[in-house]
Amino acid sequence: MLPAYLQELFNKQQYNPHSFFLIAGPCVVESEELVMEIADKVYGTCKQLGIPYVFKASYRKANRTSANSFTGIGDDNGLSLIKKVGETYQLPTTSDIHAHEEAAMAAPFIDILQIPAFLCRQTDLLLAAADTQKIVNVKKGQFLSGASMKFAVDKIKQAGNEKVMLTERGNTFGYQDLVVDYRNIPIMLEQQVPVIMDCTHSLQQPNQTSGVTGGNPGMISTIAKAAIATGSTGLFIETHPNPAVAKSDGANMLPLHLLPALLEKLVHLREAVVKHSL
């Protein structure tokens, strides 16, 4: 059962209360046409399958390997388009913030403030996000265990905000790969907060000499299925109509046309997990 603050977030959607929820969208706002196309497709699929849906897009990409990489179309434009998606499809929305002063700036436009993995220990950022009284989704650092995320949760709750979520996105494995330890999902669930599996960033292959992060999108289905089987509350999937031309993280995004079939399989898997856990 979803906590009350997520039930309220999804109150405009008809969904299966036993379903996982989905956070999905492009890595970054590239254009109005792109965000609307993706939101329309994912919204339609989730409505058909009874999956609660949060639209995601970054209004700015602050953490890029190369100084020449695309970072966005401007904060005001990016945030306004995310808000427009939410209003058009009556969807909750999320985007990441990178510095404490961005929390108050972004909060009027989005429903969930996402804390990037590299910044999950930044106290001033966590407290600023908590102060907005928005839901705060903290991505687990690639350098941390699931158990250590207790301290991020404590910082937000002690600031007077009980609306916290955690996201697993893998751990650094050598210099150019990540590995997912699925023990982290039940461990983080012990904090009594929703736990999300980031099915795309967990397949990144960072620190490439080309200056562009690599990926292994062929394993997205495997990552997602294992997350459902180990009790993940939600899934995070970045998707794009043509990842080959995406302006950020194309190497690990799911092609948009493959998403409906994957979600249908995951719904059936979730039904089996719920049935055998009763």
Protein backbone atom coordinates (compact mmCIF):
# COMPACT_ATOMS: atom_id res chain seq x y z
CA MET A 1 0.00 0.00 0.00
CA LEU A 2 1.33 3.43 -0.94
CA PRO A 3 1.82 5.97 1.87
CA ALA A 4 -0.81 8.69 2.20
CA TYR A 5 1.31 11.38 0.53
CA LEU A 6 1.66 9.23 -2.59
CA GLN A 7 -2.00 8.27 -2.60
CA GLU A 8 -2.80 11.98 -2.54
CA LEU A 9 -0.32 12.59 -5.34
CA PHE A 10 -2.05 10.01 -7.54
CA ASN A 11 -5.63 10.92 -6.62
CA LYS A 12 -6.39 12.12 -10.16
CA GLN A 13 -5.44 8.75 -11.64
CA GLN A 14 -7.34 5.48 -11.55
CA TYR A 15 -4.83 2.80 -10.64
CA ASN A 16 -4.40 -0.62 -9.13
CA PRO A 17 -3.55 -0.02 -5.44
CA HIS A 18 -1.26 -3.08 -5.49
CA SER A 19 0.72 -1.83 -8.48
CA PHE A 20 4.21 -0.41 -8.45
CA PHE A 21 4.34 3.22 -9.52
CA LEU A 22 6.37 4.52 -12.44
CA ILE A 23 8.61 7.57 -12.77
CA ALA A 24 9.41 7.97 -16.46
CA GLY A 25 10.30 10.50 -19.11
CA PRO A 26 13.29 11.82 -21.03
CA CYS A 27 16.59 12.52 -19.33
CA VAL A 28 16.32 16.24 -20.01
CA VAL A 29 13.80 18.69 -21.47
CA GLU A 30 14.85 19.04 -25.10
CA SER A 31 11.69 20.61 -26.54
CA GLU A 32 7.96 20.91 -25.94
CA GLU A 33 7.24 18.44 -28.72
CA LEU A 34 9.43 15.79 -27.14
CA VAL A 35 8.10 16.01 -23.59
CA MET A 36 4.51 16.01 -24.79
CA GLU A 37 5.05 13.01 -27.07
CA ILE A 38 6.65 10.98 -24.30
CA ALA A 39 4.11 12.01 -21.65
CA ASP A 40 1.21 11.16 -23.94
CA LYS A 41 2.54 7.69 -24.77
CA VAL A 42 3.52 6.74 -21.21
CA TYR A 43 0.34 8.20 -19.71
CA GLY A 44 -1.82 6.16 -22.09
CA THR A 45 0.04 2.94 -21.33
CA CYS A 46 -0.03 3.46 -17.57
CA LYS A 47 -3.74 4.31 -17.60
CA GLN A 48 -4.47 1.10 -19.50
CA LEU A 49 -2.40 -1.01 -17.09
CA GLY A 50 -3.45 0.71 -13.86
CA ILE A 51 0.04 1.99 -13.03
CA PRO A 52 0.36 5.29 -11.10
CA TYR A 53 2.59 7.56 -13.19
CA VAL A 54 4.94 10.47 -12.42
CA PHE A 55 6.38 12.37 -15.39
CA LYS A 56 10.11 13.02 -15.09
CA ALA A 57 12.48 15.29 -16.98
CA SER A 58 15.50 17.30 -15.86
CA TYR A 59 15.12 21.02 -16.45
CA ARG A 60 18.91 21.28 -16.30
CA LYS A 61 21.72 18.74 -16.39
CA ALA A 62 24.35 20.00 -13.99
CA ASN A 63 26.44 16.81 -13.88
CA ARG A 64 27.85 16.14 -17.33
CA THR A 65 31.10 14.40 -18.17
CA SER A 66 32.17 16.93 -20.80
CA ALA A 67 31.92 20.72 -20.72
CA ASN A 68 30.59 20.49 -24.28
CA SER A 69 27.57 18.37 -23.31
CA PHE A 70 24.00 19.69 -23.57
CA THR A 71 22.68 21.01 -20.26
CA GLY A 72 19.18 22.26 -21.09
CA ILE A 73 17.03 24.92 -22.74
CA GLY A 74 17.13 27.28 -19.75
CA ASP A 75 15.77 26.80 -16.24
CA ASP A 76 12.58 28.83 -16.71
CA ASN A 77 11.75 27.19 -20.03
CA GLY A 78 12.49 23.70 -18.77
CA LEU A 79 10.50 24.05 -15.56
CA SER A 80 7.58 25.67 -17.37
CA LEU A 81 7.37 22.79 -19.84
CA ILE A 82 7.44 20.20 -17.05
CA LYS A 83 4.61 22.05 -15.34
CA LYS A 84 2.70 22.20 -18.63
CA VAL A 85 2.97 18.41 -18.99
CA GLY A 86 1.59 17.98 -15.49
CA GLU A 87 -1.34 20.31 -16.14
CA THR A 88 -2.10 18.85 -19.57
CA TYR A 89 -2.24 15.22 -18.45
CA GLN A 90 -3.13 15.81 -14.78
CA LEU A 91 0.08 14.09 -13.73
CA PRO A 92 2.48 14.62 -10.85
CA THR A 93 5.94 15.63 -12.02
CA THR A 94 9.53 15.49 -10.84
CA SER A 95 12.93 16.93 -11.67
CA ASP A 96 16.30 17.03 -9.98
CA ILE A 97 17.82 19.97 -8.13
CA HIS A 98 21.53 20.51 -7.68
CA ALA A 99 22.02 23.32 -5.13
CA HIS A 100 20.06 24.48 -2.09
CA GLU A 101 18.87 27.68 -3.77
CA GLU A 102 17.20 25.63 -6.53
CA ALA A 103 14.75 23.98 -4.13
CA ALA A 104 12.54 27.04 -3.64
CA MET A 105 12.89 27.93 -7.33
CA ALA A 106 11.77 24.52 -8.61
CA ALA A 107 9.12 23.68 -6.00
CA PRO A 108 6.27 25.74 -7.58
CA PHE A 109 6.67 23.82 -10.84
CA ILE A 110 7.02 20.19 -9.71
CA ASP A 111 5.59 17.78 -7.13
CA ILE A 112 8.69 15.74 -6.23
CA LEU A 113 12.16 17.17 -5.73
CA GLN A 114 14.80 14.66 -6.79
CA ILE A 115 18.24 14.73 -5.15
CA PRO A 116 20.97 13.41 -7.48
CA ALA A 117 23.03 10.45 -6.28
CA PHE A 118 26.30 12.37 -6.18
CA LEU A 119 24.66 14.95 -3.88
CA CYS A 120 22.75 12.66 -1.52
CA ARG A 121 24.90 13.61 1.49
CA GLN A 122 24.71 17.39 0.95
CA THR A 123 22.99 18.53 4.12
CA ASP A 124 22.11 22.05 2.97
CA LEU A 125 20.53 20.63 -0.21
CA LEU A 126 18.48 18.04 1.71
CA LEU A 127 17.29 20.60 4.24
CA ALA A 128 16.32 23.11 1.55
CA ALA A 129 14.34 20.41 -0.25
CA ALA A 130 12.67 19.41 3.03
CA ASP A 131 11.71 23.01 3.73
CA THR A 132 9.56 23.16 0.58
CA GLN A 133 7.28 20.45 2.06
CA LYS A 134 7.34 18.71 -1.30
CA ILE A 135 8.03 14.99 -1.56
CA VAL A 136 11.81 14.49 -1.62
CA ASN A 137 13.26 11.56 -3.58
CA VAL A 138 16.90 10.93 -2.68
CA LYS A 139 18.95 8.80 -5.03
CA LYS A 140 21.44 6.57 -3.25
CA GLY A 141 25.02 7.51 -4.01
CA GLN A 142 27.01 5.10 -6.13
CA PHE A 143 29.51 5.07 -3.26
CA LEU A 144 27.05 4.23 -0.43
CA SER A 145 25.29 1.21 1.02
CA GLY A 146 21.54 1.05 1.38
CA ALA A 147 21.85 1.11 5.16
CA SER A 148 23.75 4.41 5.08
CA MET A 149 20.79 6.16 3.44
CA LYS A 150 19.17 6.22 6.89
CA PHE A 151 21.06 9.45 7.51
CA ALA A 152 19.61 11.19 4.46
CA VAL A 153 16.12 10.15 5.56
CA ASP A 154 16.80 11.39 9.09
CA LYS A 155 17.97 14.81 7.87
CA ILE A 156 14.76 15.37 5.91
CA LYS A 157 12.41 14.07 8.60
CA GLN A 158 14.16 16.02 11.36
CA ALA A 159 13.61 19.13 9.25
CA GLY A 160 9.86 18.51 9.58
CA ASN A 161 9.13 16.73 6.29
CA GLU A 162 7.93 13.11 6.45
CA LYS A 163 7.49 12.81 2.68
CA VAL A 164 10.67 10.97 1.72
CA MET A 165 11.51 8.37 -0.94
CA LEU A 166 14.77 6.58 -1.75
CA THR A 167 16.05 5.41 -5.11
CA GLU A 168 18.54 2.61 -5.76
CA ARG A 169 20.74 3.19 -8.82
CA GLY A 170 23.67 0.83 -8.42
CA ASN A 171 27.16 1.06 -6.98
CA THR A 172 30.49 1.84 -8.59
CA PHE A 173 32.18 -1.33 -9.78
CA GLY A 174 35.67 -0.60 -10.97
CA TYR A 175 36.12 2.58 -12.97
CA GLN A 176 33.66 2.20 -15.83
CA ASP A 177 30.70 0.19 -14.65
CA LEU A 178 28.01 -0.13 -11.99
CA VAL A 179 26.52 -3.15 -10.26
CA VAL A 180 23.16 -3.43 -8.50
CA ASP A 181 23.04 -5.07 -5.06
CA TYR A 182 19.38 -5.99 -4.64
CA ARG A 183 19.83 -6.39 -0.90
CA ASN A 184 19.65 -2.58 -0.82
CA ILE A 185 15.93 -2.57 -1.68
CA PRO A 186 14.66 -4.42 1.43
CA ILE A 187 17.34 -2.71 3.52
CA MET A 188 16.13 0.76 2.49
CA LEU A 189 12.49 -0.29 2.91
CA GLU A 190 13.33 -0.71 6.60
CA GLN A 191 13.32 3.10 6.77
CA GLN A 192 9.54 2.95 6.22
CA VAL A 193 9.75 4.96 3.00
CA PRO A 194 9.00 4.01 -0.63
CA VAL A 195 11.99 2.58 -2.48
CA ILE A 196 12.37 3.03 -6.22
CA MET A 197 14.65 1.19 -8.63
CA ASP A 198 16.34 3.35 -11.24
CA CYS A 199 16.39 0.85 -14.10
CA THR A 200 18.32 3.00 -16.56
CA HIS A 201 20.99 4.94 -14.64
CA SER A 202 21.96 1.72 -12.87
CA LEU A 203 23.13 0.53 -16.29
CA GLN A 204 25.39 3.48 -16.97
CA GLN A 205 29.02 2.90 -17.89
CA PRO A 206 30.61 6.15 -16.67
CA ASN A 207 34.07 7.67 -17.09
CA GLN A 208 34.49 6.77 -20.73
CA THR A 209 37.50 8.33 -22.44
CA SER A 210 35.16 9.73 -25.11
CA GLY A 211 33.65 12.08 -22.50
CA VAL A 212 30.19 10.55 -23.05
CA THR A 213 28.74 8.09 -20.52
CA GLY A 214 28.04 4.66 -21.95
CA GLY A 215 25.28 2.23 -21.05
CA ASN A 216 23.75 -1.20 -21.42
CA PRO A 217 20.03 -0.68 -22.17
CA GLY A 218 19.55 -4.31 -23.18
CA MET A 219 19.52 -5.15 -19.46
CA ILE A 220 16.73 -2.71 -18.47
CA SER A 221 14.12 -5.47 -18.44
CA THR A 222 16.31 -7.67 -16.24
CA ILE A 223 16.94 -4.85 -13.75
CA ALA A 224 13.23 -4.00 -13.60
CA LYS A 225 12.06 -7.59 -13.12
CA ALA A 226 14.54 -8.19 -10.32
CA ALA A 227 13.46 -4.95 -8.63
CA ILE A 228 9.81 -5.99 -8.64
CA ALA A 229 10.73 -9.43 -7.32
CA THR A 230 12.69 -7.91 -4.41
CA GLY A 231 9.90 -5.56 -3.33
CA SER A 232 10.58 -2.24 -5.02
CA THR A 233 7.72 0.24 -4.50
CA GLY A 234 8.34 2.02 -7.78
CA LEU A 235 10.44 2.02 -10.95
CA PHE A 236 12.34 4.85 -12.61
CA ILE A 237 12.85 4.50 -16.36
CA GLU A 238 14.20 7.14 -18.72
CA THR A 239 12.81 6.77 -22.21
CA HIS A 240 13.07 8.51 -25.57
CA PRO A 241 11.56 7.97 -29.04
CA ASN A 242 15.07 7.74 -30.49
CA PRO A 243 17.79 7.33 -27.84
CA ALA A 244 20.49 7.53 -30.52
CA VAL A 245 19.79 11.26 -30.96
CA ALA A 246 18.91 12.08 -27.34
CA LYS A 247 20.86 15.04 -25.99
CA SER A 248 21.66 13.34 -22.67
CA ASP A 249 22.07 9.73 -21.50
CA GLY A 250 20.93 8.22 -24.77
CA ALA A 251 23.22 5.24 -24.24
CA ASN A 252 21.17 3.88 -21.35
CA MET A 253 17.61 5.00 -22.16
CA LEU A 254 14.79 2.68 -23.19
CA PRO A 255 13.34 3.24 -26.68
CA LEU A 256 9.82 4.56 -26.13
CA HIS A 257 8.15 1.95 -28.33
CA LEU A 258 9.50 -0.86 -26.10
CA LEU A 259 8.01 0.52 -22.88
CA PRO A 260 4.39 -0.76 -23.17
CA ALA A 261 5.38 -4.41 -23.56
CA LEU A 262 7.88 -4.18 -20.70
CA LEU A 263 5.33 -2.60 -18.37
CA GLU A 264 2.75 -5.26 -19.21
CA LYS A 265 5.22 -8.00 -18.23
CA LEU A 266 6.09 -6.16 -15.02
CA VAL A 267 2.42 -5.82 -14.07
CA HIS A 268 1.99 -9.59 -14.34
CA LEU A 269 5.15 -10.15 -12.29
CA ARG A 270 3.93 -7.73 -9.64
CA GLU A 271 0.60 -9.59 -9.43
CA ALA A 272 2.47 -12.82 -8.76
CA VAL A 273 4.69 -11.21 -6.12
CA VAL A 274 1.69 -9.70 -4.32
CA LYS A 275 -0.28 -12.95 -4.50
CA HIS A 276 2.51 -15.00 -2.92
CA SER A 277 3.26 -12.40 -0.24
CA LEU A 278 -0.31 -12.34 1.14
